[in-house]
Full PDB file with SEQRES, HELIX, SHEET, SSBOND, CRYST1, ORIGX, SCALE, CONECT and MASTER records, all heavy atoms in Angstrom:
SEQRES   1 A   34  ARG ASP ARG GLU LEU LEU ALA GLY PHE VAL LEU SER LEU          
SEQRES   2 A   34  ALA LEU TYR LYS ILE THR LEU VAL ALA ILE PRO ALA PHE          
SEQRES   3 A   34  MET LEU LEU CYS GLY ARG ARG TRP                              
HELIX    1 AA1 GLU A    4  SER A   12  1                                   9    
HELIX    2 AA2 LEU A   13  TYR A   16  5                                   4    
HELIX    3 AA3 ILE A   18  CYS A   30  1                                  13    
CRYST1    1.000    1.000    1.000  90.00  90.00  90.00 P 1           1          
ORIGX1      1.000000  0.000000  0.000000        0.00000                         
ORIGX2      0.000000  1.000000  0.000000        0.00000                         
ORIGX3      0.000000  0.000000  1.000000        0.00000                         
SCALE1      1.000000  0.000000  0.000000        0.00000                         
SCALE2      0.000000  1.000000  0.000000        0.00000                         
SCALE3      0.000000  0.000000  1.000000        0.00000                         
ATOM      1  N   ARG A   1       9.771  -4.489   7.796  1.00  0.00           N  
ATOM      2  CA  ARG A   1       9.894  -5.882   8.242  1.00  0.00           C  
ATOM      3  C   ARG A   1      10.427  -6.777   7.114  1.00  0.00           C  
ATOM      4  O   ARG A   1      10.379  -8.002   7.222  1.00  0.00           O  
ATOM      5  CB  ARG A   1       8.537  -6.415   8.727  1.00  0.00           C  
ATOM      6  CG  ARG A   1       7.984  -5.684   9.945  1.00  0.00           C  
ATOM      7  CD  ARG A   1       8.940  -5.788  11.135  1.00  0.00           C  
ATOM      8  NE  ARG A   1       8.370  -5.258  12.357  1.00  0.00           N  
ATOM      9  CZ  ARG A   1       8.477  -4.004  12.781  1.00  0.00           C  
ATOM     10  NH1 ARG A   1       9.138  -3.126  12.038  1.00  0.00           N  
ATOM     11  NH2 ARG A   1       7.973  -3.611  13.927  1.00  0.00           N  
ATOM     12  N   ASP A   2      10.906  -6.159   6.053  1.00  0.00           N  
ATOM     13  CA  ASP A   2      11.479  -6.857   4.907  1.00  0.00           C  
ATOM     14  C   ASP A   2      10.468  -7.799   4.246  1.00  0.00           C  
ATOM     15  O   ASP A   2      10.830  -8.855   3.743  1.00  0.00           O  
ATOM     16  CB  ASP A   2      12.747  -7.633   5.319  1.00  0.00           C  
ATOM     17  CG  ASP A   2      13.602  -7.995   4.102  1.00  0.00           C  
ATOM     18  OD1 ASP A   2      13.569  -7.234   3.115  1.00  0.00           O  
ATOM     19  OD2 ASP A   2      14.281  -9.040   4.137  1.00  0.00           O  
ATOM     20  N   ARG A   3       9.220  -7.381   4.222  1.00  0.00           N  
ATOM     21  CA  ARG A   3       8.170  -8.166   3.553  1.00  0.00           C  
ATOM     22  C   ARG A   3       7.774  -7.397   2.293  1.00  0.00           C  
ATOM     23  O   ARG A   3       6.691  -6.813   2.200  1.00  0.00           O  
ATOM     24  CB  ARG A   3       6.993  -8.390   4.494  1.00  0.00           C  
ATOM     25  CG  ARG A   3       7.406  -9.077   5.798  1.00  0.00           C  
ATOM     26  CD  ARG A   3       6.234  -9.467   6.651  1.00  0.00           C  
ATOM     27  NE  ARG A   3       5.461 -10.559   6.054  1.00  0.00           N  
ATOM     28  CZ  ARG A   3       4.416 -11.128   6.640  1.00  0.00           C  
ATOM     29  NH1 ARG A   3       4.027 -10.728   7.839  1.00  0.00           N  
ATOM     30  NH2 ARG A   3       3.757 -12.095   6.035  1.00  0.00           N  
ATOM     31  N   GLU A   4       8.700  -7.395   1.336  1.00  0.00           N  
ATOM     32  CA  GLU A   4       8.567  -6.557   0.146  1.00  0.00           C  
ATOM     33  C   GLU A   4       7.374  -6.970  -0.722  1.00  0.00           C  
ATOM     34  O   GLU A   4       6.678  -6.117  -1.283  1.00  0.00           O  
ATOM     35  CB  GLU A   4       9.858  -6.628  -0.681  1.00  0.00           C  
ATOM     36  CG  GLU A   4      11.095  -6.087   0.027  1.00  0.00           C  
ATOM     37  CD  GLU A   4      11.193  -4.577  -0.059  1.00  0.00           C  
ATOM     38  OE1 GLU A   4      10.389  -3.983  -0.810  1.00  0.00           O  
ATOM     39  OE2 GLU A   4      12.054  -3.997   0.614  1.00  0.00           O  
ATOM     40  N   LEU A   5       7.144  -8.247  -0.842  1.00  0.00           N  
ATOM     41  CA  LEU A   5       6.030  -8.731  -1.671  1.00  0.00           C  
ATOM     42  C   LEU A   5       4.699  -8.226  -1.115  1.00  0.00           C  
ATOM     43  O   LEU A   5       3.851  -7.698  -1.846  1.00  0.00           O  
ATOM     44  CB  LEU A   5       6.044 -10.259  -1.734  1.00  0.00           C  
ATOM     45  CG  LEU A   5       5.026 -10.905  -2.672  1.00  0.00           C  
ATOM     46  CD1 LEU A   5       5.362 -10.603  -4.128  1.00  0.00           C  
ATOM     47  CD2 LEU A   5       4.988 -12.425  -2.444  1.00  0.00           C  
ATOM     48  N   LEU A   6       4.517  -8.389   0.194  1.00  0.00           N  
ATOM     49  CA  LEU A   6       3.290  -7.933   0.839  1.00  0.00           C  
ATOM     50  C   LEU A   6       3.176  -6.413   0.773  1.00  0.00           C  
ATOM     51  O   LEU A   6       2.078  -5.869   0.594  1.00  0.00           O  
ATOM     52  CB  LEU A   6       3.244  -8.413   2.292  1.00  0.00           C  
ATOM     53  CG  LEU A   6       2.000  -8.033   3.096  1.00  0.00           C  
ATOM     54  CD1 LEU A   6       0.741  -8.590   2.450  1.00  0.00           C  
ATOM     55  CD2 LEU A   6       2.137  -8.523   4.543  1.00  0.00           C  
ATOM     56  N   ALA A   7       4.322  -5.730   0.904  1.00  0.00           N  
ATOM     57  CA  ALA A   7       4.315  -4.264   0.837  1.00  0.00           C  
ATOM     58  C   ALA A   7       3.763  -3.783  -0.504  1.00  0.00           C  
ATOM     59  O   ALA A   7       2.916  -2.883  -0.566  1.00  0.00           O  
ATOM     60  CB  ALA A   7       5.717  -3.723   1.058  1.00  0.00           C  
ATOM     61  N   GLY A   8       4.236  -4.390  -1.579  1.00  0.00           N  
ATOM     62  CA  GLY A   8       3.748  -4.006  -2.894  1.00  0.00           C  
ATOM     63  C   GLY A   8       2.257  -4.285  -3.054  1.00  0.00           C  
ATOM     64  O   GLY A   8       1.519  -3.478  -3.636  1.00  0.00           O  
ATOM     65  N   PHE A   9       1.808  -5.419  -2.529  1.00  0.00           N  
ATOM     66  CA  PHE A   9       0.382  -5.764  -2.627  1.00  0.00           C  
ATOM     67  C   PHE A   9      -0.467  -4.751  -1.864  1.00  0.00           C  
ATOM     68  O   PHE A   9      -1.507  -4.288  -2.353  1.00  0.00           O  
ATOM     69  CB  PHE A   9       0.151  -7.176  -2.077  1.00  0.00           C  
ATOM     70  CG  PHE A   9      -1.264  -7.652  -2.212  1.00  0.00           C  
ATOM     71  CD1 PHE A   9      -1.692  -8.265  -3.375  1.00  0.00           C  
ATOM     72  CD2 PHE A   9      -2.172  -7.479  -1.176  1.00  0.00           C  
ATOM     73  CE1 PHE A   9      -3.010  -8.704  -3.512  1.00  0.00           C  
ATOM     74  CE2 PHE A   9      -3.492  -7.902  -1.301  1.00  0.00           C  
ATOM     75  CZ  PHE A   9      -3.909  -8.519  -2.479  1.00  0.00           C  
ATOM     76  N   VAL A  10      -0.021  -4.401  -0.653  1.00  0.00           N  
ATOM     77  CA  VAL A  10      -0.771  -3.435   0.160  1.00  0.00           C  
ATOM     78  C   VAL A  10      -0.842  -2.083  -0.549  1.00  0.00           C  
ATOM     79  O   VAL A  10      -1.892  -1.432  -0.574  1.00  0.00           O  
ATOM     80  CB  VAL A  10      -0.117  -3.292   1.553  1.00  0.00           C  
ATOM     81  CG1 VAL A  10      -0.695  -2.102   2.304  1.00  0.00           C  
ATOM     82  CG2 VAL A  10      -0.316  -4.573   2.365  1.00  0.00           C  
ATOM     83  N   LEU A  11       0.266  -1.658  -1.132  1.00  0.00           N  
ATOM     84  CA  LEU A  11       0.282  -0.377  -1.847  1.00  0.00           C  
ATOM     85  C   LEU A  11      -0.733  -0.374  -2.995  1.00  0.00           C  
ATOM     86  O   LEU A  11      -1.407   0.628  -3.247  1.00  0.00           O  
ATOM     87  CB  LEU A  11       1.679  -0.088  -2.384  1.00  0.00           C  
ATOM     88  CG  LEU A  11       1.870   1.258  -3.094  1.00  0.00           C  
ATOM     89  CD1 LEU A  11       1.646   2.415  -2.125  1.00  0.00           C  
ATOM     90  CD2 LEU A  11       3.258   1.344  -3.712  1.00  0.00           C  
ATOM     91  N   SER A  12      -0.874  -1.505  -3.672  1.00  0.00           N  
ATOM     92  CA  SER A  12      -1.798  -1.571  -4.812  1.00  0.00           C  
ATOM     93  C   SER A  12      -3.246  -1.385  -4.391  1.00  0.00           C  
ATOM     94  O   SER A  12      -4.079  -0.963  -5.191  1.00  0.00           O  
ATOM     95  CB  SER A  12      -1.647  -2.919  -5.529  1.00  0.00           C  
ATOM     96  OG  SER A  12      -2.214  -3.970  -4.756  1.00  0.00           O  
ATOM     97  N   LEU A  13      -3.580  -1.676  -3.134  1.00  0.00           N  
ATOM     98  CA  LEU A  13      -4.955  -1.517  -2.668  1.00  0.00           C  
ATOM     99  C   LEU A  13      -5.380  -0.053  -2.645  1.00  0.00           C  
ATOM    100  O   LEU A  13      -6.579   0.243  -2.603  1.00  0.00           O  
ATOM    101  CB  LEU A  13      -5.116  -2.138  -1.271  1.00  0.00           C  
ATOM    102  CG  LEU A  13      -4.836  -3.641  -1.165  1.00  0.00           C  
ATOM    103  CD1 LEU A  13      -5.048  -4.127   0.257  1.00  0.00           C  
ATOM    104  CD2 LEU A  13      -5.719  -4.429  -2.133  1.00  0.00           C  
ATOM    105  N   ALA A  14      -4.405   0.861  -2.663  1.00  0.00           N  
ATOM    106  CA  ALA A  14      -4.710   2.295  -2.699  1.00  0.00           C  
ATOM    107  C   ALA A  14      -4.911   2.802  -4.121  1.00  0.00           C  
ATOM    108  O   ALA A  14      -5.017   4.015  -4.337  1.00  0.00           O  
ATOM    109  CB  ALA A  14      -3.606   3.085  -2.011  1.00  0.00           C  
ATOM    110  N   LEU A  15      -4.983   1.889  -5.096  1.00  0.00           N  
ATOM    111  CA  LEU A  15      -5.205   2.299  -6.484  1.00  0.00           C  
ATOM    112  C   LEU A  15      -6.596   2.878  -6.716  1.00  0.00           C  
ATOM    113  O   LEU A  15      -6.884   3.367  -7.808  1.00  0.00           O  
ATOM    114  CB  LEU A  15      -4.999   1.110  -7.427  1.00  0.00           C  
ATOM    115  CG  LEU A  15      -3.553   0.858  -7.866  1.00  0.00           C  
ATOM    116  CD1 LEU A  15      -3.445  -0.492  -8.552  1.00  0.00           C  
ATOM    117  CD2 LEU A  15      -3.076   1.968  -8.792  1.00  0.00           C  
ATOM    118  N   TYR A  16      -7.452   2.837  -5.698  1.00  0.00           N  
ATOM    119  CA  TYR A  16      -8.756   3.482  -5.849  1.00  0.00           C  
ATOM    120  C   TYR A  16      -8.573   4.967  -6.191  1.00  0.00           C  
ATOM    121  O   TYR A  16      -9.435   5.588  -6.804  1.00  0.00           O  
ATOM    122  CB  TYR A  16      -9.591   3.324  -4.574  1.00  0.00           C  
ATOM    123  CG  TYR A  16      -9.098   4.112  -3.385  1.00  0.00           C  
ATOM    124  CD1 TYR A  16      -9.495   5.440  -3.205  1.00  0.00           C  
ATOM    125  CD2 TYR A  16      -8.254   3.542  -2.445  1.00  0.00           C  
ATOM    126  CE1 TYR A  16      -9.048   6.161  -2.115  1.00  0.00           C  
ATOM    127  CE2 TYR A  16      -7.810   4.259  -1.355  1.00  0.00           C  
ATOM    128  CZ  TYR A  16      -8.201   5.573  -1.198  1.00  0.00           C  
ATOM    129  OH  TYR A  16      -7.744   6.299  -0.122  1.00  0.00           O  
ATOM    130  N   LYS A  17      -7.421   5.527  -5.779  1.00  0.00           N  
ATOM    131  CA  LYS A  17      -7.078   6.907  -6.136  1.00  0.00           C  
ATOM    132  C   LYS A  17      -5.673   6.868  -6.725  1.00  0.00           C  
ATOM    133  O   LYS A  17      -4.673   6.836  -5.999  1.00  0.00           O  
ATOM    134  CB  LYS A  17      -7.137   7.825  -4.916  1.00  0.00           C  
ATOM    135  CG  LYS A  17      -6.941   9.285  -5.252  1.00  0.00           C  
ATOM    136  CD  LYS A  17      -7.194  10.154  -4.034  1.00  0.00           C  
ATOM    137  CE  LYS A  17      -7.045  11.627  -4.391  1.00  0.00           C  
ATOM    138  NZ  LYS A  17      -7.329  12.508  -3.234  1.00  0.00           N  
ATOM    139  N   ILE A  18      -5.592   6.868  -8.037  1.00  0.00           N  
ATOM    140  CA  ILE A  18      -4.326   6.606  -8.726  1.00  0.00           C  
ATOM    141  C   ILE A  18      -3.254   7.607  -8.358  1.00  0.00           C  
ATOM    142  O   ILE A  18      -2.066   7.259  -8.263  1.00  0.00           O  
ATOM    143  CB  ILE A  18      -4.567   6.574 -10.253  1.00  0.00           C  
ATOM    144  CG1 ILE A  18      -5.432   5.357 -10.609  1.00  0.00           C  
ATOM    145  CG2 ILE A  18      -3.252   6.520 -11.021  1.00  0.00           C  
ATOM    146  CD1 ILE A  18      -5.814   5.280 -12.072  1.00  0.00           C  
ATOM    147  N   THR A  19      -3.633   8.856  -8.112  1.00  0.00           N  
ATOM    148  CA  THR A  19      -2.615   9.869  -7.799  1.00  0.00           C  
ATOM    149  C   THR A  19      -1.891   9.576  -6.491  1.00  0.00           C  
ATOM    150  O   THR A  19      -0.781  10.072  -6.281  1.00  0.00           O  
ATOM    151  CB  THR A  19      -3.255  11.265  -7.726  1.00  0.00           C  
ATOM    152  OG1 THR A  19      -4.377  11.235  -6.825  1.00  0.00           O  
ATOM    153  CG2 THR A  19      -3.728  11.721  -9.096  1.00  0.00           C  
ATOM    154  N   LEU A  20      -2.492   8.802  -5.606  1.00  0.00           N  
ATOM    155  CA  LEU A  20      -1.817   8.466  -4.347  1.00  0.00           C  
ATOM    156  C   LEU A  20      -0.619   7.556  -4.562  1.00  0.00           C  
ATOM    157  O   LEU A  20       0.382   7.658  -3.847  1.00  0.00           O  
ATOM    158  CB  LEU A  20      -2.793   7.772  -3.391  1.00  0.00           C  
ATOM    159  CG  LEU A  20      -3.763   8.623  -2.576  1.00  0.00           C  
ATOM    160  CD1 LEU A  20      -4.612   7.716  -1.703  1.00  0.00           C  
ATOM    161  CD2 LEU A  20      -3.024   9.636  -1.724  1.00  0.00           C  
ATOM    162  N   VAL A  21      -0.724   6.647  -5.526  1.00  0.00           N  
ATOM    163  CA  VAL A  21       0.266   5.574  -5.631  1.00  0.00           C  
ATOM    164  C   VAL A  21       1.075   5.586  -6.925  1.00  0.00           C  
ATOM    165  O   VAL A  21       2.035   4.827  -7.048  1.00  0.00           O  
ATOM    166  CB  VAL A  21      -0.408   4.194  -5.465  1.00  0.00           C  
ATOM    167  CG1 VAL A  21      -1.041   4.062  -4.103  1.00  0.00           C  
ATOM    168  CG2 VAL A  21      -1.442   3.957  -6.548  1.00  0.00           C  
ATOM    169  N   ALA A  22       0.710   6.428  -7.883  1.00  0.00           N  
ATOM    170  CA  ALA A  22       1.391   6.381  -9.186  1.00  0.00           C  
ATOM    171  C   ALA A  22       2.886   6.645  -9.049  1.00  0.00           C  
ATOM    172  O   ALA A  22       3.711   5.881  -9.577  1.00  0.00           O  
ATOM    173  CB  ALA A  22       0.747   7.393 -10.140  1.00  0.00           C  
ATOM    174  N   ILE A  23       3.255   7.704  -8.342  1.00  0.00           N  
ATOM    175  CA  ILE A  23       4.688   8.046  -8.225  1.00  0.00           C  
ATOM    176  C   ILE A  23       5.419   7.040  -7.334  1.00  0.00           C  
ATOM    177  O   ILE A  23       6.490   6.548  -7.717  1.00  0.00           O  
ATOM    178  CB  ILE A  23       4.852   9.492  -7.744  1.00  0.00           C  
ATOM    179  CG1 ILE A  23       4.346  10.452  -8.826  1.00  0.00           C  
ATOM    180  CG2 ILE A  23       6.309   9.790  -7.399  1.00  0.00           C  
ATOM    181  CD1 ILE A  23       4.374  11.922  -8.438  1.00  0.00           C  
ATOM    182  N   PRO A  24       4.902   6.684  -6.134  1.00  0.00           N  
ATOM    183  CA  PRO A  24       5.597   5.646  -5.349  1.00  0.00           C  
ATOM    184  C   PRO A  24       5.761   4.327  -6.103  1.00  0.00           C  
ATOM    185  O   PRO A  24       6.819   3.694  -6.027  1.00  0.00           O  
ATOM    186  CB  PRO A  24       4.693   5.475  -4.116  1.00  0.00           C  
ATOM    187  CG  PRO A  24       4.038   6.799  -3.959  1.00  0.00           C  
ATOM    188  CD  PRO A  24       3.796   7.293  -5.359  1.00  0.00           C  
ATOM    189  N   ALA A  25       4.738   3.908  -6.848  1.00  0.00           N  
ATOM    190  CA  ALA A  25       4.848   2.659  -7.607  1.00  0.00           C  
ATOM    191  C   ALA A  25       5.912   2.777  -8.700  1.00  0.00           C  
ATOM    192  O   ALA A  25       6.676   1.832  -8.949  1.00  0.00           O  
ATOM    193  CB  ALA A  25       3.499   2.291  -8.229  1.00  0.00           C  
ATOM    194  N   PHE A  26       5.985   3.916  -9.349  1.00  0.00           N  
ATOM    195  CA  PHE A  26       7.007   4.142 -10.377  1.00  0.00           C  
ATOM    196  C   PHE A  26       8.404   4.098  -9.761  1.00  0.00           C  
ATOM    197  O   PHE A  26       9.351   3.578 -10.369  1.00  0.00           O  
ATOM    198  CB  PHE A  26       6.761   5.492 -11.054  1.00  0.00           C  
ATOM    199  CG  PHE A  26       7.748   5.821 -12.140  1.00  0.00           C  
ATOM    200  CD1 PHE A  26       7.988   4.941 -13.191  1.00  0.00           C  
ATOM    201  CD2 PHE A  26       8.446   7.014 -12.114  1.00  0.00           C  
ATOM    202  CE1 PHE A  26       8.893   5.246 -14.190  1.00  0.00           C  
ATOM    203  CE2 PHE A  26       9.363   7.330 -13.107  1.00  0.00           C  
ATOM    204  CZ  PHE A  26       9.581   6.450 -14.153  1.00  0.00           C  
ATOM    205  N   MET A  27       8.550   4.597  -8.531  1.00  0.00           N  
ATOM    206  CA  MET A  27       9.860   4.565  -7.869  1.00  0.00           C  
ATOM    207  C   MET A  27      10.258   3.142  -7.468  1.00  0.00           C  
ATOM    208  O   MET A  27      11.446   2.817  -7.423  1.00  0.00           O  
ATOM    209  CB  MET A  27       9.862   5.488  -6.650  1.00  0.00           C  
ATOM    210  CG  MET A  27       9.655   6.947  -7.004  1.00  0.00           C  
ATOM    211  SD  MET A  27      10.750   7.514  -8.338  1.00  0.00           S  
ATOM    212  CE  MET A  27       9.726   8.755  -9.121  1.00  0.00           C  
ATOM    213  N   LEU A  28       9.275   2.295  -7.170  1.00  0.00           N  
ATOM    214  CA  LEU A  28       9.601   0.883  -6.942  1.00  0.00           C  
ATOM    215  C   LEU A  28      10.243   0.288  -8.186  1.00  0.00           C  
ATOM    216  O   LEU A  28      11.212  -0.484  -8.100  1.00  0.00           O  
ATOM    217  CB  LEU A  28       8.335   0.099  -6.592  1.00  0.00           C  
ATOM    218  CG  LEU A  28       7.710   0.316  -5.217  1.00  0.00           C  
ATOM    219  CD1 LEU A  28       6.409  -0.475  -5.111  1.00  0.00           C  
ATOM    220  CD2 LEU A  28       8.669  -0.087  -4.105  1.00  0.00           C  
ATOM    221  N   LEU A  29       9.707   0.644  -9.340  1.00  0.00           N  
ATOM    222  CA  LEU A  29      10.246   0.151 -10.601  1.00  0.00           C  
ATOM    223  C   LEU A  29      11.630   0.728 -10.866  1.00  0.00           C  
ATOM    224  O   LEU A  29      12.562  -0.004 -11.226  1.00  0.00           O  
ATOM    225  CB  LEU A  29       9.288   0.519 -11.737  1.00  0.00           C  
ATOM    226  CG  LEU A  29       9.536  -0.116 -13.102  1.00  0.00           C  
ATOM    227  CD1 LEU A  29       9.395  -1.635 -13.027  1.00  0.00           C  
ATOM    228  CD2 LEU A  29       8.550   0.449 -14.126  1.00  0.00           C  
ATOM    229  N   CYS A  30      11.796   2.025 -10.646  1.00  0.00           N  
ATOM    230  CA  CYS A  30      13.105   2.660 -10.865  1.00  0.00           C  
ATOM    231  C   CYS A  30      14.158   2.115  -9.899  1.00  0.00           C  
ATOM    232  O   CYS A  30      15.333   1.998 -10.257  1.00  0.00           O  
ATOM    233  CB  CYS A  30      12.985   4.180 -10.689  1.00  0.00           C  
ATOM    234  SG  CYS A  30      11.974   4.988 -11.945  1.00  0.00           S  
ATOM    235  N   GLY A  31      13.730   1.803  -8.680  1.00  0.00           N  
ATOM    236  CA  GLY A  31      14.660   1.268  -7.689  1.00  0.00           C  
ATOM    237  C   GLY A  31      14.894  -0.224  -7.809  1.00  0.00           C  
ATOM    238  O   GLY A  31      15.630  -0.806  -7.025  1.00  0.00           O  
ATOM    239  N   ARG A  32      14.233  -0.851  -8.809  1.00  0.00           N  
ATOM    240  CA  ARG A  32      14.375  -2.289  -9.065  1.00  0.00           C  
ATOM    241  C   ARG A  32      14.038  -3.129  -7.832  1.00  0.00           C  
ATOM    242  O   ARG A  32      14.697  -4.115  -7.520  1.00  0.00           O  
ATOM    243  CB  ARG A  32      15.783  -2.596  -9.577  1.00  0.00           C  
ATOM    244  CG  ARG A  32      16.033  -2.090 -10.990  1.00  0.00           C  
ATOM    245  CD  ARG A  32      17.497  -1.853 -11.255  1.00  0.00           C  
ATOM    246  NE  ARG A  32      17.973  -0.709 -10.485  1.00  0.00           N  
ATOM    247  CZ  ARG A  32      19.217  -0.248 -10.530  1.00  0.00           C  
ATOM    248  NH1 ARG A  32      20.101  -0.843 -11.301  1.00  0.00           N  
ATOM    249  NH2 ARG A  32      19.584   0.783  -9.799  1.00  0.00           N  
ATOM    250  N   ARG A  33      12.971  -2.711  -7.154  1.00  0.00           N  
ATOM    251  CA  ARG A  33      12.476  -3.473  -6.009  1.00  0.00           C  
ATOM    252  C   ARG A  33      11.495  -4.505  -6.562  1.00  0.00           C  
ATOM    253  O   ARG A  33      10.277  -4.367  -6.495  1.00  0.00           O  
ATOM    254  CB  ARG A  33      11.790  -2.557  -4.999  1.00  0.00           C  
ATOM    255  CG  ARG A  33      12.567  -1.311  -4.645  1.00  0.00           C  
ATOM    256  CD  ARG A  33      13.924  -1.624  -4.079  1.00  0.00           C  
ATOM    257  NE  ARG A  33      13.841  -2.391  -2.842  1.00  0.00           N  
ATOM    258  CZ  ARG A  33      14.896  -2.864  -2.194  1.00  0.00           C  
ATOM    259  NH1 ARG A  33      16.112  -2.688  -2.702  1.00  0.00           N  
ATOM    260  NH2 ARG A  33      14.746  -3.530  -1.069  1.00  0.00           N  
ATOM    261  N   TRP A  34      12.058  -5.574  -7.145  1.00  0.00           N  
ATOM    262  CA  TRP A  34      11.256  -6.467  -7.971  1.00  0.00           C  
ATOM    263  C   TRP A  34      10.196  -7.228  -7.190  1.00  0.00           C  
ATOM    264  O   TRP A  34       9.097  -7.481  -7.699  1.00  0.00           O  
ATOM    265  CB  TRP A  34      12.165  -7.435  -8.728  1.00  0.00           C  
ATOM    266  CG  TRP A  34      13.151  -6.750  -9.618  1.00  0.00           C  
ATOM    267  CD1 TRP A  34      14.502  -6.856  -9.607  1.00  0.00           C  
ATOM    268  CD2 TRP A  34      12.841  -5.810 -10.679  1.00  0.00           C  
ATOM    269  NE1 TRP A  34      15.073  -6.058 -10.572  1.00  0.00           N  
ATOM    270  CE2 TRP A  34      14.073  -5.407 -11.247  1.00  0.00           C  
ATOM    271  CE3 TRP A  34      11.658  -5.261 -11.174  1.00  0.00           C  
ATOM    272  CZ2 TRP A  34      14.151  -4.499 -12.295  1.00  0.00           C  
ATOM    273  CZ3 TRP A  34      11.724  -4.351 -12.216  1.00  0.00           C  
ATOM    274  CH2 TRP A  34      12.954  -3.988 -12.769  1.00  0.00           C  
TER     275      TRP A  34                                                      
MASTER        0    0    0    3    0    0    0    6  274    1    0    3          
END                                                                             
């Protein structure tokens, strides 16, 4: 839905288990999805 800011926030809520989100979060950075 092109709600990138909210998408990133929602993804961070899964940080309770770092292995779930570490690689996807790193790819956001590599893809420059600021």
